[in-house]
PDB file of N, CA and C in Angstrom:
ATOM      1  N   MET A   1      29.034 103.120-143.544  1.00  0.00           N
ATOM      2  CA  MET A   1      28.925 102.694-144.932  1.00  0.00           C
ATOM      3  C   MET A   1      27.491 102.876-145.430  1.00  0.00           C
ATOM      4  N   THR A   2      27.371 102.968-146.725  1.00  0.00           N
ATOM      5  CA  THR A   2      26.078 103.162-147.351  1.00  0.00           C
ATOM      6  C   THR A   2      25.535 101.835-147.862  1.00  0.00           C
ATOM      7  N   ASP A   3      24.254 101.606-147.684  1.00  0.00           N
ATOM      8  CA  ASP A   3      23.590 100.439-148.254  1.00  0.00           C
ATOM      9  C   ASP A   3      22.930 100.834-149.557  1.00  0.00           C
ATOM     10  N   THR A   4      22.799  99.870-150.460  1.00  0.00           N
ATOM     11  CA  THR A   4      22.112 100.070-151.729  1.00  0.00           C
ATOM     12  C   THR A   4      20.931  99.128-151.782  1.00  0.00           C
ATOM     13  N   VAL A   5      19.781  99.636-152.164  1.00  0.00           N
ATOM     14  CA  VAL A   5      18.568  98.826-152.267  1.00  0.00           C
ATOM     15  C   VAL A   5      18.295  98.563-153.738  1.00  0.00           C
ATOM     16  N   ILE A   6      18.188  97.280-154.078  1.00  0.00           N
ATOM     17  CA  ILE A   6      17.849  96.857-155.434  1.00  0.00           C
ATOM     18  C   ILE A   6      16.502  96.168-155.340  1.00  0.00           C
ATOM     19  N   SER A   7      15.558  96.555-156.211  1.00  0.00           N
ATOM     20  CA  SER A   7      14.235  95.957-156.103  1.00  0.00           C
ATOM     21  C   SER A   7      13.644  95.639-157.460  1.00  0.00           C
ATOM     22  N   SER A   8      12.758  94.662-157.440  1.00  0.00           N
ATOM     23  CA  SER A   8      11.966  94.305-158.612  1.00  0.00           C
ATOM     24  C   SER A   8      10.506  94.478-158.206  1.00  0.00           C
ATOM     25  N   ALA A   9       9.607  93.998-159.034  1.00  0.00           N
ATOM     26  CA  ALA A   9       8.193  94.104-158.705  1.00  0.00           C
ATOM     27  C   ALA A   9       7.820  93.259-157.487  1.00  0.00           C
ATOM     28  N   THR A  10       8.617  92.217-157.208  1.00  0.00           N
ATOM     29  CA  THR A  10       8.246  91.289-156.146  1.00  0.00           C
ATOM     30  C   THR A  10       9.263  91.137-155.025  1.00  0.00           C
ATOM     31  N   LYS A  11      10.459  91.688-155.184  1.00  0.00           N
ATOM     32  CA  LYS A  11      11.503  91.441-154.195  1.00  0.00           C
ATOM     33  C   LYS A  11      12.403  92.663-154.029  1.00  0.00           C
ATOM     34  N   GLU A  12      12.930  92.805-152.828  1.00  0.00           N
ATOM     35  CA  GLU A  12      13.866  93.882-152.532  1.00  0.00           C
ATOM     36  C   GLU A  12      15.092  93.278-151.863  1.00  0.00           C
ATOM     37  N   VAL A  13      16.274  93.664-152.326  1.00  0.00           N
ATOM     38  CA  VAL A  13      17.530  93.168-151.772  1.00  0.00           C
ATOM     39  C   VAL A  13      18.367  94.374-151.377  1.00  0.00           C
ATOM     40  N   VAL A  14      18.960  94.317-150.194  1.00  0.00           N
ATOM     41  CA  VAL A  14      19.831  95.389-149.723  1.00  0.00           C
ATOM     42  C   VAL A  14      21.268  94.868-149.786  1.00  0.00           C
ATOM     43  N   ILE A  15      22.133  95.628-150.457  1.00  0.00           N
ATOM     44  CA  ILE A  15      23.539  95.241-150.536  1.00  0.00           C
ATOM     45  C   ILE A  15      24.380  96.339-149.908  1.00  0.00           C
ATOM     46  N   GLY A  16      25.527  95.942-149.389  1.00  0.00           N
ATOM     47  CA  GLY A  16      26.433  96.893-148.764  1.00  0.00           C
ATOM     48  C   GLY A  16      27.633  96.164-148.191  1.00  0.00           C
ATOM     49  N   PHE A  17      28.650  96.924-147.800  1.00  0.00           N
ATOM     50  CA  PHE A  17      29.890  96.334-147.297  1.00  0.00           C
ATOM     51  C   PHE A  17      29.684  95.512-146.032  1.00  0.00           C
ATOM     52  N   ASP A  18      28.764  95.900-145.185  1.00  0.00           N
ATOM     53  CA  ASP A  18      28.533  95.178-143.941  1.00  0.00           C
ATOM     54  C   ASP A  18      27.353  94.212-144.032  1.00  0.00           C
ATOM     55  N   ARG A  19      26.945  93.898-145.248  1.00  0.00           N
ATOM     56  CA  ARG A  19      25.831  92.968-145.501  1.00  0.00           C
ATOM     57  C   ARG A  19      26.375  91.649-146.043  1.00  0.00           C
ATOM     58  N   PRO A  20      25.567  90.575-145.966  1.00  0.00           N
ATOM     59  CA  PRO A  20      25.988  89.295-146.554  1.00  0.00           C
ATOM     60  C   PRO A  20      26.166  89.417-148.077  1.00  0.00           C
ATOM     61  N   PHE A  21      27.014  88.557-148.618  1.00  0.00           N
ATOM     62  CA  PHE A  21      27.280  88.521-150.055  1.00  0.00           C
ATOM     63  C   PHE A  21      25.997  88.194-150.817  1.00  0.00           C
ATOM     64  N   VAL A  22      25.765  88.874-151.932  1.00  0.00           N
ATOM     65  CA  VAL A  22      24.580  88.658-152.759  1.00  0.00           C
ATOM     66  C   VAL A  22      25.021  88.455-154.203  1.00  0.00           C
ATOM     67  N   ILE A  23      24.523  87.404-154.831  1.00  0.00           N
ATOM     68  CA  ILE A  23      24.791  87.174-156.248  1.00  0.00           C
ATOM     69  C   ILE A  23      23.679  87.830-157.045  1.00  0.00           C
ATOM     70  N   ILE A  24      24.054  88.660-157.995  1.00  0.00           N
ATOM     71  CA  ILE A  24      23.081  89.345-158.847  1.00  0.00           C
ATOM     72  C   ILE A  24      23.190  88.738-160.235  1.00  0.00           C
ATOM     73  N   GLY A  25      22.099  88.144-160.722  1.00  0.00           N
ATOM     74  CA  GLY A  25      22.113  87.403-161.988  1.00  0.00           C
ATOM     75  C   GLY A  25      21.827  88.254-163.206  1.00  0.00           C
ATOM     76  N   GLU A  26      22.768  89.042-163.626  1.00  0.00           N
ATOM     77  CA  GLU A  26      22.563  89.903-164.796  1.00  0.00           C
ATOM     78  C   GLU A  26      22.350  89.113-166.072  1.00  0.00           C
ATOM     79  N   ARG A  27      22.893  87.938-166.197  1.00  0.00           N
ATOM     80  CA  ARG A  27      22.745  87.137-167.415  1.00  0.00           C
ATOM     81  C   ARG A  27      21.275  86.829-167.680  1.00  0.00           C
ATOM     82  N   ILE A  28      20.480  86.787-166.645  1.00  0.00           N
ATOM     83  CA  ILE A  28      19.072  86.439-166.780  1.00  0.00           C
ATOM     84  C   ILE A  28      18.223  87.678-167.072  1.00  0.00           C
ATOM     85  N   ASN A  29      18.823  88.842-167.082  1.00  0.00           N
ATOM     86  CA  ASN A  29      18.125  90.084-167.393  1.00  0.00           C
ATOM     87  C   ASN A  29      17.695  90.069-168.863  1.00  0.00           C
ATOM     88  N   PRO A  30      16.399  90.210-169.159  1.00  0.00           N
ATOM     89  CA  PRO A  30      15.933  90.127-170.548  1.00  0.00           C
ATOM     90  C   PRO A  30      16.190  91.383-171.385  1.00  0.00           C
ATOM     91  N   THR A  31      16.694  92.454-170.772  1.00  0.00           N
ATOM     92  CA  THR A  31      16.961  93.674-171.527  1.00  0.00           C
ATOM     93  C   THR A  31      17.982  93.391-172.628  1.00  0.00           C
ATOM     94  N   GLY A  32      17.631  93.705-173.854  1.00  0.00           N
ATOM     95  CA  GLY A  32      18.530  93.466-174.978  1.00  0.00           C
ATOM     96  C   GLY A  32      18.531  92.030-175.474  1.00  0.00           C
ATOM     97  N   ARG A  33      17.692  91.190-174.902  1.00  0.00           N
ATOM     98  CA  ARG A  33      17.592  89.785-175.329  1.00  0.00           C
ATOM     99  C   ARG A  33      16.140  89.529-175.715  1.00  0.00           C
ATOM    100  N   LYS A  34      15.810  89.845-176.958  1.00  0.00           N
ATOM    101  CA  LYS A  34      14.421  89.806-177.418  1.00  0.00           C
ATOM    102  C   LYS A  34      13.799  88.416-177.298  1.00  0.00           C
ATOM    103  N   ILE A  35      14.554  87.399-177.650  1.00  0.00           N
ATOM    104  CA  ILE A  35      14.015  86.029-177.580  1.00  0.00           C
ATOM    105  C   ILE A  35      13.697  85.667-176.131  1.00  0.00           C
ATOM    106  N   LEU A  36      14.629  85.970-175.225  1.00  0.00           N
ATOM    107  CA  LEU A  36      14.405  85.680-173.804  1.00  0.00           C
ATOM    108  C   LEU A  36      13.188  86.436-173.283  1.00  0.00           C
ATOM    109  N   ALA A  37      13.080  87.714-173.615  1.00  0.00           N
ATOM    110  CA  ALA A  37      11.943  88.522-173.164  1.00  0.00           C
ATOM    111  C   ALA A  37      10.622  87.948-173.670  1.00  0.00           C
ATOM    112  N   ALA A  38      10.586  87.532-174.927  1.00  0.00           N
ATOM    113  CA  ALA A  38       9.368  86.958-175.505  1.00  0.00           C
ATOM    114  C   ALA A  38       9.012  85.636-174.824  1.00  0.00           C
ATOM    115  N   GLU A  39      10.021  84.802-174.575  1.00  0.00           N
ATOM    116  CA  GLU A  39       9.763  83.522-173.901  1.00  0.00           C
ATOM    117  C   GLU A  39       9.228  83.756-172.487  1.00  0.00           C
ATOM    118  N   MET A  40       9.816  84.693-171.768  1.00  0.00           N
ATOM    119  CA  MET A  40       9.352  84.984-170.411  1.00  0.00           C
ATOM    120  C   MET A  40       7.924  85.535-170.420  1.00  0.00           C
ATOM    121  N   ALA A  41       7.632  86.390-171.377  1.00  0.00           N
ATOM    122  CA  ALA A  41       6.278  86.945-171.479  1.00  0.00           C
ATOM    123  C   ALA A  41       5.255  85.850-171.758  1.00  0.00           C
ATOM    124  N   ALA A  42       5.694  84.804-172.473  1.00  0.00           N
ATOM    125  CA  ALA A  42       4.815  83.687-172.799  1.00  0.00           C
ATOM    126  C   ALA A  42       4.774  82.636-171.680  1.00  0.00           C
ATOM    127  N   GLY A  43       5.542  82.874-170.617  1.00  0.00           N
ATOM    128  CA  GLY A  43       5.549  81.928-169.500  1.00  0.00           C
ATOM    129  C   GLY A  43       6.539  80.796-169.653  1.00  0.00           C
ATOM    130  N   ASP A  44       7.422  80.879-170.652  1.00  0.00           N
ATOM    131  CA  ASP A  44       8.434  79.845-170.873  1.00  0.00           C
ATOM    132  C   ASP A  44       9.735  80.288-170.204  1.00  0.00           C
ATOM    133  N   PHE A  45      10.105  79.632-169.122  1.00  0.00           N
ATOM    134  CA  PHE A  45      11.301  80.003-168.384  1.00  0.00           C
ATOM    135  C   PHE A  45      12.430  78.991-168.561  1.00  0.00           C
ATOM    136  N   SER A  46      12.357  78.161-169.604  1.00  0.00           N
ATOM    137  CA  SER A  46      13.381  77.141-169.818  1.00  0.00           C
ATOM    138  C   SER A  46      14.747  77.760-170.097  1.00  0.00           C
ATOM    139  N   ARG A  47      14.809  78.863-170.835  1.00  0.00           N
ATOM    140  CA  ARG A  47      16.088  79.523-171.109  1.00  0.00           C
ATOM    141  C   ARG A  47      16.637  80.159-169.823  1.00  0.00           C
ATOM    142  N   VAL A  48      15.760  80.707-168.990  1.00  0.00           N
ATOM    143  CA  VAL A  48      16.180  81.271-167.709  1.00  0.00           C
ATOM    144  C   VAL A  48      16.787  80.174-166.847  1.00  0.00           C
ATOM    145  N   GLU A  49      16.129  79.015-166.798  1.00  0.00           N
ATOM    146  CA  GLU A  49      16.633  77.893-166.014  1.00  0.00           C
ATOM    147  C   GLU A  49      17.988  77.435-166.532  1.00  0.00           C
ATOM    148  N   ALA A  50      18.142  77.351-167.860  1.00  0.00           N
ATOM    149  CA  ALA A  50      19.418  76.938-168.451  1.00  0.00           C
ATOM    150  C   ALA A  50      20.515  77.951-168.130  1.00  0.00           C
ATOM    151  N   ASP A  51      20.205  79.235-168.228  1.00  0.00           N
ATOM    152  CA  ASP A  51      21.174  80.284-167.888  1.00  0.00           C
ATOM    153  C   ASP A  51      21.575  80.195-166.420  1.00  0.00           C
ATOM    154  N   ALA A  52      20.597  79.982-165.543  1.00  0.00           N
ATOM    155  CA  ALA A  52      20.883  79.894-164.105  1.00  0.00           C
ATOM    156  C   ALA A  52      21.760  78.686-163.805  1.00  0.00           C
ATOM    157  N   ARG A  53      21.473  77.556-164.428  1.00  0.00           N
ATOM    158  CA  ARG A  53      22.299  76.365-164.208  1.00  0.00           C
ATOM    159  C   ARG A  53      23.725  76.597-164.705  1.00  0.00           C
ATOM    160  N   ALA A  54      23.858  77.212-165.865  1.00  0.00           N
ATOM    161  CA  ALA A  54      25.184  77.484-166.416  1.00  0.00           C
ATOM    162  C   ALA A  54      25.971  78.427-165.512  1.00  0.00           C
ATOM    163  N   ARG A  55      25.293  79.406-164.914  1.00  0.00           N
ATOM    164  CA  ARG A  55      25.961  80.374-164.048  1.00  0.00           C
ATOM    165  C   ARG A  55      26.325  79.768-162.691  1.00  0.00           C
ATOM    166  N   SER A  56      25.619  78.721-162.282  1.00  0.00           N
ATOM    167  CA  SER A  56      25.880  78.149-160.956  1.00  0.00           C
ATOM    168  C   SER A  56      27.017  77.134-160.978  1.00  0.00           C
ATOM    169  N   ARG A  57      27.425  76.678-162.167  1.00  0.00           N
ATOM    170  CA  ARG A  57      28.545  75.752-162.262  1.00  0.00           C
ATOM    171  C   ARG A  57      29.847  76.515-162.024  1.00  0.00           C
ATOM    172  N   PRO A  58      30.824  75.907-161.360  1.00  0.00           N
ATOM    173  CA  PRO A  58      32.103  76.591-161.140  1.00  0.00           C
ATOM    174  C   PRO A  58      32.795  76.876-162.470  1.00  0.00           C
ATOM    175  N   ALA A  59      33.485  77.980-162.527  1.00  0.00           N
ATOM    176  CA  ALA A  59      34.250  78.331-163.731  1.00  0.00           C
ATOM    177  C   ALA A  59      35.396  77.363-163.908  1.00  0.00           C
ATOM    178  N   ARG A  60      35.690  77.012-165.124  1.00  0.00           N
ATOM    179  CA  ARG A  60      36.796  76.118-165.426  1.00  0.00           C
ATOM    180  C   ARG A  60      38.005  76.978-165.788  1.00  0.00           C
ATOM    181  N   THR A  61      39.062  76.863-165.022  1.00  0.00           N
ATOM    182  CA  THR A  61      40.268  77.638-165.279  1.00  0.00           C
ATOM    183  C   THR A  61      41.396  76.686-165.582  1.00  0.00           C
ATOM    184  N   CYS A  62      42.126  76.951-166.632  1.00  0.00           N
ATOM    185  CA  CYS A  62      43.248  76.087-167.007  1.00  0.00           C
ATOM    186  C   CYS A  62      44.523  76.935-167.000  1.00  0.00           C
ATOM    187  N   TRP A  63      45.467  76.542-166.171  1.00  0.00           N
ATOM    188  CA  TRP A  63      46.756  77.242-166.089  1.00  0.00           C
ATOM    189  C   TRP A  63      47.810  76.387-166.772  1.00  0.00           C
ATOM    190  N   THR A  64      48.598  76.995-167.626  1.00  0.00           N
ATOM    191  CA  THR A  64      49.659  76.239-168.306  1.00  0.00           C
ATOM    192  C   THR A  64      51.016  76.715-167.874  1.00  0.00           C
TER     193      THR A  64
END
């Protein structure tokens, strides 16, 4: 199997079929989110924290 390497300026993660499960937080990606990008550039990570908390809560599913 092939591994895929995903990296940022500070971290590198290897994903693949024979690797441990990895959660990739695309919601926190500032691309296309001007307000988020500006807040992060200013050192304000409160929206990132709120997004991360919202993503870590279990999904609510209702079956009728």
